[in-house]
C-alpha atoms as a PDB file:
ATOM      1  CA  MET A   1      96.813 202.129 122.498  1.00  0.00           C
ATOM      2  CA  ASN A   2      96.347 203.574 119.031  1.00  0.00           C
ATOM      3  CA  THR A   3      93.297 201.628 118.082  1.00  0.00           C
ATOM      4  CA  ILE A   4      90.704 204.205 117.148  1.00  0.00           C
ATOM      5  CA  LEU A   5      90.416 204.117 113.348  1.00  0.00           C
ATOM      6  CA  ALA A   6      86.866 205.074 112.596  1.00  0.00           C
ATOM      7  CA  THR A   7      85.335 208.514 113.030  1.00  0.00           C
ATOM      8  CA  ILE A   8      82.626 208.271 115.678  1.00  0.00           C
ATOM      9  CA  THR A   9      79.388 210.202 115.477  1.00  0.00           C
ATOM     10  CA  THR A  10      76.203 209.863 117.448  1.00  0.00           C
ATOM     11  CA  LEU A  11      72.622 209.965 116.307  1.00  0.00           C
ATOM     12  CA  SER A  12      69.342 210.227 118.148  1.00  0.00           C
ATOM     13  CA  ALA A  13      67.568 206.935 118.718  1.00  0.00           C
ATOM     14  CA  PHE A  14      64.868 206.077 116.277  1.00  0.00           C
ATOM     15  CA  SER A  15      62.590 203.182 115.526  1.00  0.00           C
ATOM     16  CA  LEU A  16      63.343 201.244 112.361  1.00  0.00           C
ATOM     17  CA  ALA A  17      60.043 200.983 110.589  1.00  0.00           C
ATOM     18  CA  ALA A  18      61.617 200.269 107.213  1.00  0.00           C
ATOM     19  CA  PRO A  19      62.481 196.752 106.010  1.00  0.00           C
ATOM     20  CA  THR A  20      65.854 195.334 106.977  1.00  0.00           C
ATOM     21  CA  PHE A  21      67.003 195.580 103.357  1.00  0.00           C
ATOM     22  CA  ALA A  22      66.643 198.723 101.303  1.00  0.00           C
ATOM     23  CA  GLN A  23      68.215 200.367  98.294  1.00  0.00           C
ATOM     24  CA  ILE A  24      68.646 204.151  98.583  1.00  0.00           C
ATOM     25  CA  ARG A  25      69.628 206.294  95.614  1.00  0.00           C
ATOM     26  CA  SER A  26      70.659 209.901  96.248  1.00  0.00           C
ATOM     27  CA  ASP A  27      71.168 212.490  93.502  1.00  0.00           C
ATOM     28  CA  SER A  28      74.202 214.676  94.001  1.00  0.00           C
ATOM     29  CA  ALA A  29      74.857 216.351  90.621  1.00  0.00           C
ATOM     30  CA  ARG A  30      73.918 216.225  86.959  1.00  0.00           C
ATOM     31  CA  VAL A  31      75.664 213.794  84.601  1.00  0.00           C
ATOM     32  CA  ILE A  32      78.853 215.263  83.151  1.00  0.00           C
ATOM     33  CA  VAL A  33      80.140 213.637  79.968  1.00  0.00           C
ATOM     34  CA  LEU A  34      83.774 214.109  78.971  1.00  0.00           C
ATOM     35  CA  PRO A  35      85.763 212.394  76.217  1.00  0.00           C
ATOM     36  CA  ASP A  36      85.922 208.690  77.174  1.00  0.00           C
ATOM     37  CA  VAL A  37      84.729 209.538  80.703  1.00  0.00           C
ATOM     38  CA  ALA A  38      81.185 209.492  82.100  1.00  0.00           C
ATOM     39  CA  ILE A  39      80.666 210.714  85.667  1.00  0.00           C
ATOM     40  CA  GLN A  40      77.369 209.383  86.967  1.00  0.00           C
ATOM     41  CA  ASP A  41      75.136 211.421  89.249  1.00  0.00           C
ATOM     42  CA  ARG A  42      73.913 208.580  91.469  1.00  0.00           C
ATOM     43  CA  ILE A  43      75.429 206.559  94.283  1.00  0.00           C
ATOM     44  CA  GLU A  44      73.869 203.215  95.145  1.00  0.00           C
ATOM     45  CA  ARG A  45      73.647 202.685  98.885  1.00  0.00           C
ATOM     46  CA  LEU A  46      72.635 199.476 100.630  1.00  0.00           C
ATOM     47  CA  SER A  47      71.416 199.523 104.236  1.00  0.00           C
ATOM     48  CA  VAL A  48      71.007 196.188 106.038  1.00  0.00           C
ATOM     49  CA  SER A  49      70.242 195.188 109.630  1.00  0.00           C
ATOM     50  CA  SER A  50      70.579 192.035 111.697  1.00  0.00           C
ATOM     51  CA  GLY A  51      66.814 191.902 112.261  1.00  0.00           C
ATOM     52  CA  THR A  52      63.765 193.889 113.288  1.00  0.00           C
ATOM     53  CA  GLU A  53      64.454 195.964 116.391  1.00  0.00           C
ATOM     54  CA  ASP A  54      62.847 194.640 119.584  1.00  0.00           C
ATOM     55  CA  ARG A  55      62.958 197.263 122.329  1.00  0.00           C
ATOM     56  CA  ARG A  56      61.931 194.688 124.936  1.00  0.00           C
ATOM     57  CA  THR A  57      65.266 192.858 124.777  1.00  0.00           C
ATOM     58  CA  TRP A  58      68.931 193.784 125.123  1.00  0.00           C
ATOM     59  CA  HIS A  59      72.250 191.968 125.374  1.00  0.00           C
ATOM     60  CA  VAL A  60      75.059 192.502 127.875  1.00  0.00           C
ATOM     61  CA  VAL A  61      78.491 192.598 126.216  1.00  0.00           C
ATOM     62  CA  ALA A  62      80.943 191.765 129.009  1.00  0.00           C
ATOM     63  CA  PRO A  63      84.671 190.910 128.736  1.00  0.00           C
ATOM     64  CA  GLY A  64      85.225 187.813 126.611  1.00  0.00           C
ATOM     65  CA  SER A  65      81.761 187.765 125.070  1.00  0.00           C
ATOM     66  CA  GLY A  66      81.083 188.522 121.425  1.00  0.00           C
ATOM     67  CA  CYS A  67      78.585 188.596 118.592  1.00  0.00           C
ATOM     68  CA  ALA A  68      79.363 188.198 114.879  1.00  0.00           C
ATOM     69  CA  VAL A  69      77.036 189.141 112.011  1.00  0.00           C
ATOM     70  CA  ARG A  70      77.512 188.304 108.331  1.00  0.00           C
ATOM     71  CA  PHE A  71      75.104 190.131 106.033  1.00  0.00           C
ATOM     72  CA  GLN A  72      73.973 188.187 102.967  1.00  0.00           C
ATOM     73  CA  HIS A  73      72.792 190.950 100.628  1.00  0.00           C
ATOM     74  CA  PRO A  74      75.990 192.956  99.918  1.00  0.00           C
ATOM     75  CA  ARG A  75      77.448 191.923  96.550  1.00  0.00           C
ATOM     76  CA  ALA A  76      80.946 190.449  96.568  1.00  0.00           C
ATOM     77  CA  GLY A  77      83.495 192.516  94.679  1.00  0.00           C
ATOM     78  CA  TYR A  78      81.079 195.435  94.411  1.00  0.00           C
ATOM     79  CA  HIS A  79      79.833 196.803  97.742  1.00  0.00           C
ATOM     80  CA  GLU A  80      82.159 198.539 100.201  1.00  0.00           C
ATOM     81  CA  LEU A  81      81.524 198.909 103.937  1.00  0.00           C
ATOM     82  CA  ARG A  82      80.877 202.529 104.894  1.00  0.00           C
ATOM     83  CA  GLN A  83      79.116 202.621 108.273  1.00  0.00           C
ATOM     84  CA  LEU A  84      78.189 200.434 111.216  1.00  0.00           C
ATOM     85  CA  ARG A  85      75.494 201.493 113.680  1.00  0.00           C
ATOM     86  CA  LEU A  86      75.324 200.133 117.221  1.00  0.00           C
ATOM     87  CA  TYR A  87      72.100 200.463 119.201  1.00  0.00           C
ATOM     88  CA  LEU A  88      73.080 200.978 122.837  1.00  0.00           C
ATOM     89  CA  ASP A  89      70.758 200.550 125.794  1.00  0.00           C
ATOM     90  CA  ALA A  90      71.113 203.216 128.520  1.00  0.00           C
ATOM     91  CA  PRO A  91      74.724 204.193 127.640  1.00  0.00           C
ATOM     92  CA  GLY A  92      74.837 206.777 130.437  1.00  0.00           C
ATOM     93  CA  PHE A  93      74.774 203.982 133.027  1.00  0.00           C
ATOM     94  CA  ILE A  94      77.808 202.106 131.681  1.00  0.00           C
ATOM     95  CA  LYS A  95      80.464 201.941 134.414  1.00  0.00           C
ATOM     96  CA  ASP A  96      82.788 199.132 133.328  1.00  0.00           C
ATOM     97  CA  GLY A  97      84.122 197.455 130.204  1.00  0.00           C
ATOM     98  CA  GLY A  98      84.075 198.523 126.587  1.00  0.00           C
ATOM     99  CA  LEU A  99      83.480 197.316 123.045  1.00  0.00           C
ATOM    100  CA  ARG A 100      85.900 196.241 120.334  1.00  0.00           C
ATOM    101  CA  VAL A 101      84.754 196.262 116.709  1.00  0.00           C
ATOM    102  CA  ARG A 102      86.544 194.360 113.960  1.00  0.00           C
ATOM    103  CA  VAL A 103      85.804 192.901 110.546  1.00  0.00           C
ATOM    104  CA  ALA A 104      86.737 189.225 110.243  1.00  0.00           C
ATOM    105  CA  SER A 105      86.987 186.911 107.270  1.00  0.00           C
ATOM    106  CA  VAL A 106      84.994 183.681 107.036  1.00  0.00           C
ATOM    107  CA  THR A 107      86.632 180.316 107.738  1.00  0.00           C
ATOM    108  CA  ALA A 108      86.130 177.243 105.545  1.00  0.00           C
ATOM    109  CA  SER A 109      83.493 176.027 108.020  1.00  0.00           C
ATOM    110  CA  GLY A 110      81.582 179.319 107.816  1.00  0.00           C
ATOM    111  CA  GLN A 111      82.657 180.640 111.226  1.00  0.00           C
ATOM    112  CA  PRO A 112      84.236 184.002 112.113  1.00  0.00           C
ATOM    113  CA  ALA A 113      88.024 184.000 111.774  1.00  0.00           C
ATOM    114  CA  ALA A 114      90.413 185.537 114.305  1.00  0.00           C
ATOM    115  CA  ASP A 115      91.795 188.110 111.862  1.00  0.00           C
ATOM    116  CA  ASN A 116      90.865 191.730 111.260  1.00  0.00           C
ATOM    117  CA  LEU A 117      90.362 193.117 107.758  1.00  0.00           C
ATOM    118  CA  LEU A 118      90.663 196.663 109.086  1.00  0.00           C
ATOM    119  CA  PRO A 119      94.159 198.122 109.626  1.00  0.00           C
ATOM    120  CA  GLN A 120      93.345 198.331 113.344  1.00  0.00           C
ATOM    121  CA  PRO A 121      90.401 197.372 115.548  1.00  0.00           C
ATOM    122  CA  VAL A 122      88.062 200.033 116.862  1.00  0.00           C
ATOM    123  CA  VAL A 123      87.989 200.103 120.673  1.00  0.00           C
ATOM    124  CA  LEU A 124      85.309 202.089 122.493  1.00  0.00           C
ATOM    125  CA  ASP A 125      86.181 202.417 126.171  1.00  0.00           C
ATOM    126  CA  THR A 126      83.808 203.068 129.070  1.00  0.00           C
ATOM    127  CA  ARG A 127      84.133 206.844 128.825  1.00  0.00           C
ATOM    128  CA  ALA A 128      83.430 206.962 125.085  1.00  0.00           C
ATOM    129  CA  LEU A 129      80.352 204.767 125.471  1.00  0.00           C
ATOM    130  CA  ARG A 130      78.974 206.786 128.385  1.00  0.00           C
ATOM    131  CA  ARG A 131      79.212 209.979 126.336  1.00  0.00           C
ATOM    132  CA  SER A 132      77.463 208.508 123.296  1.00  0.00           C
ATOM    133  CA  ARG A 133      73.772 208.481 122.530  1.00  0.00           C
ATOM    134  CA  ARG A 134      71.665 205.404 121.991  1.00  0.00           C
ATOM    135  CA  VAL A 135      72.635 205.064 118.332  1.00  0.00           C
ATOM    136  CA  LEU A 136      76.388 205.133 117.795  1.00  0.00           C
ATOM    137  CA  THR A 137      77.664 205.264 114.207  1.00  0.00           C
ATOM    138  CA  LEU A 138      81.159 204.271 113.071  1.00  0.00           C
ATOM    139  CA  HIS A 139      82.374 205.669 109.737  1.00  0.00           C
ATOM    140  CA  TRP A 140      85.058 204.385 107.366  1.00  0.00           C
ATOM    141  CA  PRO A 141      85.234 207.310 104.895  1.00  0.00           C
ATOM    142  CA  ASP A 142      88.785 206.743 103.662  1.00  0.00           C
ATOM    143  CA  TYR A 143      89.140 202.974 103.912  1.00  0.00           C
ATOM    144  CA  HIS A 144      87.775 200.915 101.035  1.00  0.00           C
ATOM    145  CA  LEU A 145      86.778 197.512 102.388  1.00  0.00           C
ATOM    146  CA  THR A 146      85.193 195.638  99.495  1.00  0.00           C
ATOM    147  CA  VAL A 147      83.097 192.573 100.266  1.00  0.00           C
ATOM    148  CA  PRO A 148      85.103 189.412  99.379  1.00  0.00           C
ATOM    149  CA  SER A 149      83.543 186.400  97.642  1.00  0.00           C
ATOM    150  CA  GLU A 150      82.736 184.634 100.926  1.00  0.00           C
ATOM    151  CA  GLY A 151      81.612 187.830 102.675  1.00  0.00           C
ATOM    152  CA  PHE A 152      82.851 188.906 106.096  1.00  0.00           C
ATOM    153  CA  PHE A 153      81.698 189.126 109.708  1.00  0.00           C
ATOM    154  CA  LEU A 154      81.152 192.347 111.633  1.00  0.00           C
ATOM    155  CA  ILE A 155      82.179 191.451 115.179  1.00  0.00           C
ATOM    156  CA  ILE A 156      81.333 193.216 118.435  1.00  0.00           C
ATOM    157  CA  GLU A 157      83.416 191.980 121.385  1.00  0.00           C
ATOM    158  CA  GLY A 158      83.396 192.873 125.060  1.00  0.00           C
ATOM    159  CA  VAL A 159      86.685 194.069 126.550  1.00  0.00           C
ATOM    160  CA  GLY A 160      87.705 194.732 130.141  1.00  0.00           C
ATOM    161  CA  GLN A 161      90.219 196.944 131.880  1.00  0.00           C
ATOM    162  CA  GLN A 162      92.994 194.571 130.761  1.00  0.00           C
ATOM    163  CA  PRO A 163      93.249 192.725 127.396  1.00  0.00           C
ATOM    164  CA  ASP A 164      93.090 189.235 128.935  1.00  0.00           C
ATOM    165  CA  GLU A 165      89.985 189.716 131.088  1.00  0.00           C
ATOM    166  CA  VAL A 166      87.020 187.382 130.725  1.00  0.00           C
ATOM    167  CA  ILE A 167      83.840 186.419 132.559  1.00  0.00           C
ATOM    168  CA  GLY A 168      84.781 183.721 135.057  1.00  0.00           C
ATOM    169  CA  GLY A 169      81.473 183.165 136.818  1.00  0.00           C
ATOM    170  CA  LYS A 170      78.200 184.735 137.855  1.00  0.00           C
ATOM    171  CA  LEU A 171      76.786 185.527 141.294  1.00  0.00           C
ATOM    172  CA  PRO A 172      73.031 185.749 141.987  1.00  0.00           C
ATOM    173  CA  PRO A 173      71.119 189.051 142.026  1.00  0.00           C
ATOM    174  CA  THR A 174      70.308 191.010 145.159  1.00  0.00           C
ATOM    175  CA  ARG A 175      67.582 193.487 145.991  1.00  0.00           C
ATOM    176  CA  HIS A 176      69.452 196.440 144.510  1.00  0.00           C
ATOM    177  CA  HIS A 177      71.344 194.554 141.781  1.00  0.00           C
ATOM    178  CA  ARG A 178      68.667 192.908 139.657  1.00  0.00           C
ATOM    179  CA  LEU A 179      70.973 191.255 137.124  1.00  0.00           C
ATOM    180  CA  GLY A 180      73.477 189.798 139.558  1.00  0.00           C
ATOM    181  CA  PHE A 181      77.255 190.046 139.295  1.00  0.00           C
ATOM    182  CA  TYR A 182      80.009 188.805 136.998  1.00  0.00           C
ATOM    183  CA  GLU A 183      83.288 187.528 138.399  1.00  0.00           C
ATOM    184  CA  ILE A 184      86.015 188.925 136.152  1.00  0.00           C
ATOM    185  CA  LYS A 185      89.113 186.771 135.798  1.00  0.00           C
ATOM    186  CA  ARG A 186      92.098 186.379 133.497  1.00  0.00           C
ATOM    187  CA  VAL A 187      92.119 183.986 130.576  1.00  0.00           C
ATOM    188  CA  GLY A 188      93.603 180.679 131.722  1.00  0.00           C
ATOM    189  CA  ASN A 189      93.495 181.578 135.432  1.00  0.00           C
ATOM    190  CA  SER A 190      90.145 180.577 136.905  1.00  0.00           C
ATOM    191  CA  ALA A 191      91.477 180.554 140.474  1.00  0.00           C
ATOM    192  CA  GLU A 192      91.967 184.311 140.796  1.00  0.00           C
ATOM    193  CA  THR A 193      89.062 186.761 140.699  1.00  0.00           C
ATOM    194  CA  LEU A 194      90.174 190.241 139.666  1.00  0.00           C
ATOM    195  CA  ARG A 195      86.938 191.951 140.637  1.00  0.00           C
ATOM    196  CA  VAL A 196      83.190 191.444 140.955  1.00  0.00           C
ATOM    197  CA  VAL A 197      81.056 193.750 138.793  1.00  0.00           C
ATOM    198  CA  ASP A 198      77.333 194.413 138.602  1.00  0.00           C
ATOM    199  CA  VAL A 199      76.162 192.922 135.294  1.00  0.00           C
ATOM    200  CA  ASP A 200      74.132 196.075 134.668  1.00  0.00           C
ATOM    201  CA  TRP A 201      77.326 198.163 134.543  1.00  0.00           C
ATOM    202  CA  PHE A 202      78.599 196.620 131.301  1.00  0.00           C
ATOM    203  CA  PRO A 203      77.618 197.853 127.813  1.00  0.00           C
ATOM    204  CA  LYS A 204      74.285 196.579 126.531  1.00  0.00           C
ATOM    205  CA  LEU A 205      73.084 196.397 122.930  1.00  0.00           C
ATOM    206  CA  ARG A 206      69.413 196.629 122.043  1.00  0.00           C
ATOM    207  CA  GLY A 207      67.832 193.443 120.769  1.00  0.00           C
ATOM    208  CA  ALA A 208      66.349 192.358 117.451  1.00  0.00           C
ATOM    209  CA  ASP A 209      64.218 189.441 116.281  1.00  0.00           C
ATOM    210  CA  TYR A 210      66.362 186.873 114.441  1.00  0.00           C
ATOM    211  CA  THR A 211      64.723 185.248 111.431  1.00  0.00           C
ATOM    212  CA  GLY A 212      67.848 184.174 109.548  1.00  0.00           C
ATOM    213  CA  ASP A 213      66.757 186.210 106.526  1.00  0.00           C
ATOM    214  CA  GLY A 214      69.532 188.460 105.317  1.00  0.00           C
ATOM    215  CA  ALA A 215      72.079 187.773 108.072  1.00  0.00           C
ATOM    216  CA  ASP A 216      73.986 184.954 109.776  1.00  0.00           C
ATOM    217  CA  VAL A 217      74.597 185.504 113.491  1.00  0.00           C
ATOM    218  CA  TRP A 218      77.116 183.753 115.754  1.00  0.00           C
ATOM    219  CA  TRP A 219      77.849 183.930 119.496  1.00  0.00           C
ATOM    220  CA  ARG A 220      81.138 183.425 121.321  1.00  0.00           C
ATOM    221  CA  ASN A 221      81.169 181.066 124.294  1.00  0.00           C
ATOM    222  CA  THR A 222      82.963 182.909 127.111  1.00  0.00           C
ATOM    223  CA  LYS A 223      84.157 179.641 128.676  1.00  0.00           C
ATOM    224  CA  THR A 224      85.643 178.006 125.583  1.00  0.00           C
ATOM    225  CA  GLY A 225      86.175 181.011 123.329  1.00  0.00           C
ATOM    226  CA  GLU A 226      84.523 179.084 120.481  1.00  0.00           C
ATOM    227  CA  TRP A 227      81.842 180.445 118.164  1.00  0.00           C
ATOM    228  CA  GLY A 228      78.369 178.934 117.808  1.00  0.00           C
ATOM    229  CA  ALA A 229      75.523 179.775 115.431  1.00  0.00           C
ATOM    230  CA  ALA A 230      72.533 181.629 116.883  1.00  0.00           C
ATOM    231  CA  LYS A 231      69.182 179.849 116.825  1.00  0.00           C
ATOM    232  CA  ILE A 232      66.378 181.138 114.644  1.00  0.00           C
ATOM    233  CA  GLY A 233      63.740 182.850 116.763  1.00  0.00           C
ATOM    234  CA  ASN A 234      66.095 183.859 119.562  1.00  0.00           C
ATOM    235  CA  PRO A 235      66.785 187.558 120.186  1.00  0.00           C
ATOM    236  CA  ILE A 236      70.061 188.953 118.856  1.00  0.00           C
ATOM    237  CA  PRO A 237      71.793 192.361 119.042  1.00  0.00           C
ATOM    238  CA  MET A 238      70.493 195.060 116.732  1.00  0.00           C
ATOM    239  CA  LEU A 239      73.211 196.071 114.250  1.00  0.00           C
ATOM    240  CA  GLU A 240      72.894 198.038 111.038  1.00  0.00           C
ATOM    241  CA  ALA A 241      75.495 198.362 108.289  1.00  0.00           C
ATOM    242  CA  VAL A 242      75.651 200.684 105.291  1.00  0.00           C
ATOM    243  CA  PHE A 243      77.399 199.675 102.065  1.00  0.00           C
ATOM    244  CA  GLU A 244      78.059 201.588  98.867  1.00  0.00           C
END
């Protein structure tokens, strides 16, 4: 499947001590003035995050689950999405599933839409995630995605070995499997269990404290497929986006 659009790089993990909203100006060259043309020497960059990182929490992203974040500070018609950073927890232990990243428009009711504003979704399979470091950065250097008037959602979805896989149930933990097990089934077929997987084997995103300041966060219900708004004060996945 030709779904990899973004260039993937990895960074060492670091603690975000800076505020969740910051303006960064970097000088690259002197100002050059030509007839009727002025080339400025500064690029305005906006870095925003879903919240303040909380290393005590993390979120399992299994098939059918999803998280959507709409950042409030990027200016419509001005800022363009450049990077998205995912904060993975123990990526070397991932043994099943993957992540799909897309950018969705906002419905009239304020929920994430089912579309994708990127030409193709970004799919990170088990192997790619295992080889990454704790901070995984996606780049869009050649695609100019300008923030529309209503904004957009950055969506992280769990995918399985097949496109129609979803969590169908959960089994209790055992002595050597502290998180229990997920029963993986097909969408619309709750009678057949494809496999039973240790919850700890799926990708996990590091957590953040959700205050509602600067970002709107939504969760997907794996049973209904519907989106619901996250509650203020509950932990959410740590995501960071860079706009220019």
